[in-house]
Amino acid sequence: MHTIKIDISDNIYDNVMFFLNNLPKKDIKLHTQKKLTEEKLTDFFHSSPLQDITLERNKDIYQDRVNF
């Protein structure tokens, strides 16, 4: 038995899988693996609900909640 690894575009994936699934089961073993999408850190921040929040401070030293 031989092993083949192929990268298939989303446009033809269903067609290729249909073809492979119709081959004799005793002659082929399918091992599918979904493509992992690369998430970038910037994508996270673009879709974050916190993107409209602005953080500002009135003083250079924060002492409002410090009690001695």
C-alpha atoms as a PDB file:
ATOM      1  CA  MET A   1       0.000   0.000   0.000  1.00  0.00           C
ATOM      2  CA  HIS A   2       1.194   3.553  -0.767  1.00  0.00           C
ATOM      3  CA  THR A   3       0.545   6.845   0.996  1.00  0.00           C
ATOM      4  CA  ILE A   4      -0.292  10.059  -0.810  1.00  0.00           C
ATOM      5  CA  LYS A   5      -0.676  13.483   0.743  1.00  0.00           C
ATOM      6  CA  ILE A   6      -2.372  16.168  -1.325  1.00  0.00           C
ATOM      7  CA  ASP A   7      -3.461  19.713  -0.609  1.00  0.00           C
ATOM      8  CA  ILE A   8      -6.843  20.407  -2.144  1.00  0.00           C
ATOM      9  CA  SER A   9      -8.561  23.746  -2.523  1.00  0.00           C
ATOM     10  CA  ASP A  10     -11.956  24.217  -0.942  1.00  0.00           C
ATOM     11  CA  ASN A  11     -13.495  24.529  -4.421  1.00  0.00           C
ATOM     12  CA  ILE A  12     -12.862  20.909  -5.386  1.00  0.00           C
ATOM     13  CA  TYR A  13     -12.619  19.196  -1.996  1.00  0.00           C
ATOM     14  CA  ASP A  14     -16.139  17.735  -2.163  1.00  0.00           C
ATOM     15  CA  ASN A  15     -15.566  16.349  -5.651  1.00  0.00           C
ATOM     16  CA  VAL A  16     -12.293  14.687  -4.722  1.00  0.00           C
ATOM     17  CA  MET A  17     -13.782  13.187  -1.564  1.00  0.00           C
ATOM     18  CA  PHE A  18     -16.757  11.887  -3.529  1.00  0.00           C
ATOM     19  CA  PHE A  19     -14.391  10.163  -5.944  1.00  0.00           C
ATOM     20  CA  LEU A  20     -12.233   8.676  -3.173  1.00  0.00           C
ATOM     21  CA  ASN A  21     -15.233   7.480  -1.185  1.00  0.00           C
ATOM     22  CA  ASN A  22     -16.504   5.591  -4.236  1.00  0.00           C
ATOM     23  CA  LEU A  23     -13.349   3.540  -4.629  1.00  0.00           C
ATOM     24  CA  PRO A  24     -13.409  -0.020  -3.226  1.00  0.00           C
ATOM     25  CA  LYS A  25     -13.132   0.131   0.574  1.00  0.00           C
ATOM     26  CA  LYS A  26     -10.777  -2.828   0.732  1.00  0.00           C
ATOM     27  CA  ASP A  27      -8.272  -1.034  -1.505  1.00  0.00           C
ATOM     28  CA  ILE A  28      -8.219   2.395   0.097  1.00  0.00           C
ATOM     29  CA  LYS A  29      -8.120   3.851   3.600  1.00  0.00           C
ATOM     30  CA  LEU A  30      -8.985   7.506   3.918  1.00  0.00           C
ATOM     31  CA  HIS A  31      -7.397   9.623   6.606  1.00  0.00           C
ATOM     32  CA  THR A  32      -8.763  13.123   6.348  1.00  0.00           C
ATOM     33  CA  GLN A  33      -7.454  16.098   8.213  1.00  0.00           C
ATOM     34  CA  LYS A  34      -9.107  19.471   8.195  1.00  0.00           C
ATOM     35  CA  LYS A  35      -6.966  22.410   7.355  1.00  0.00           C
ATOM     36  CA  LEU A  36      -6.035  24.441  10.384  1.00  0.00           C
ATOM     37  CA  THR A  37      -6.603  28.098   9.824  1.00  0.00           C
ATOM     38  CA  GLU A  38      -3.892  30.387  10.953  1.00  0.00           C
ATOM     39  CA  GLU A  39      -5.255  32.942  13.321  1.00  0.00           C
ATOM     40  CA  LYS A  40      -3.259  36.060  13.665  1.00  0.00           C
ATOM     41  CA  LEU A  41      -3.175  38.151  16.792  1.00  0.00           C
ATOM     42  CA  THR A  42      -4.358  41.171  14.828  1.00  0.00           C
ATOM     43  CA  ASP A  43      -7.446  39.229  13.678  1.00  0.00           C
ATOM     44  CA  PHE A  44      -8.351  38.648  17.299  1.00  0.00           C
ATOM     45  CA  PHE A  45      -8.172  42.341  18.124  1.00  0.00           C
ATOM     46  CA  HIS A  46     -10.102  43.348  15.012  1.00  0.00           C
ATOM     47  CA  SER A  47     -13.007  41.129  16.030  1.00  0.00           C
ATOM     48  CA  SER A  48     -12.752  41.832  19.745  1.00  0.00           C
ATOM     49  CA  PRO A  49     -15.702  43.536  21.470  1.00  0.00           C
ATOM     50  CA  LEU A  50     -13.154  45.583  23.404  1.00  0.00           C
ATOM     51  CA  GLN A  51     -11.872  47.455  20.373  1.00  0.00           C
ATOM     52  CA  ASP A  52     -13.973  50.574  21.051  1.00  0.00           C
ATOM     53  CA  ILE A  53     -12.785  50.993  24.622  1.00  0.00           C
ATOM     54  CA  THR A  54     -10.224  53.698  25.265  1.00  0.00           C
ATOM     55  CA  LEU A  55      -8.035  53.717  28.334  1.00  0.00           C
ATOM     56  CA  GLU A  56      -6.972  57.100  29.574  1.00  0.00           C
ATOM     57  CA  ARG A  57      -5.497  58.346  32.792  1.00  0.00           C
ATOM     58  CA  ASN A  58      -5.556  61.766  34.376  1.00  0.00           C
ATOM     59  CA  LYS A  59      -2.313  61.500  36.326  1.00  0.00           C
ATOM     60  CA  ASP A  60       1.102  60.036  35.653  1.00  0.00           C
ATOM     61  CA  ILE A  61       1.058  58.224  38.999  1.00  0.00           C
ATOM     62  CA  TYR A  62      -1.951  56.140  39.941  1.00  0.00           C
ATOM     63  CA  GLN A  63      -2.686  56.625  43.623  1.00  0.00           C
ATOM     64  CA  ASP A  64      -6.466  56.892  43.733  1.00  0.00           C
ATOM     65  CA  ARG A  65      -6.999  53.503  45.374  1.00  0.00           C
ATOM     66  CA  VAL A  66      -3.895  53.270  47.441  1.00  0.00           C
ATOM     67  CA  ASN A  67      -4.658  53.724  51.155  1.00  0.00           C
ATOM     68  CA  PHE A  68      -1.799  54.005  53.611  1.00  0.00           C
END
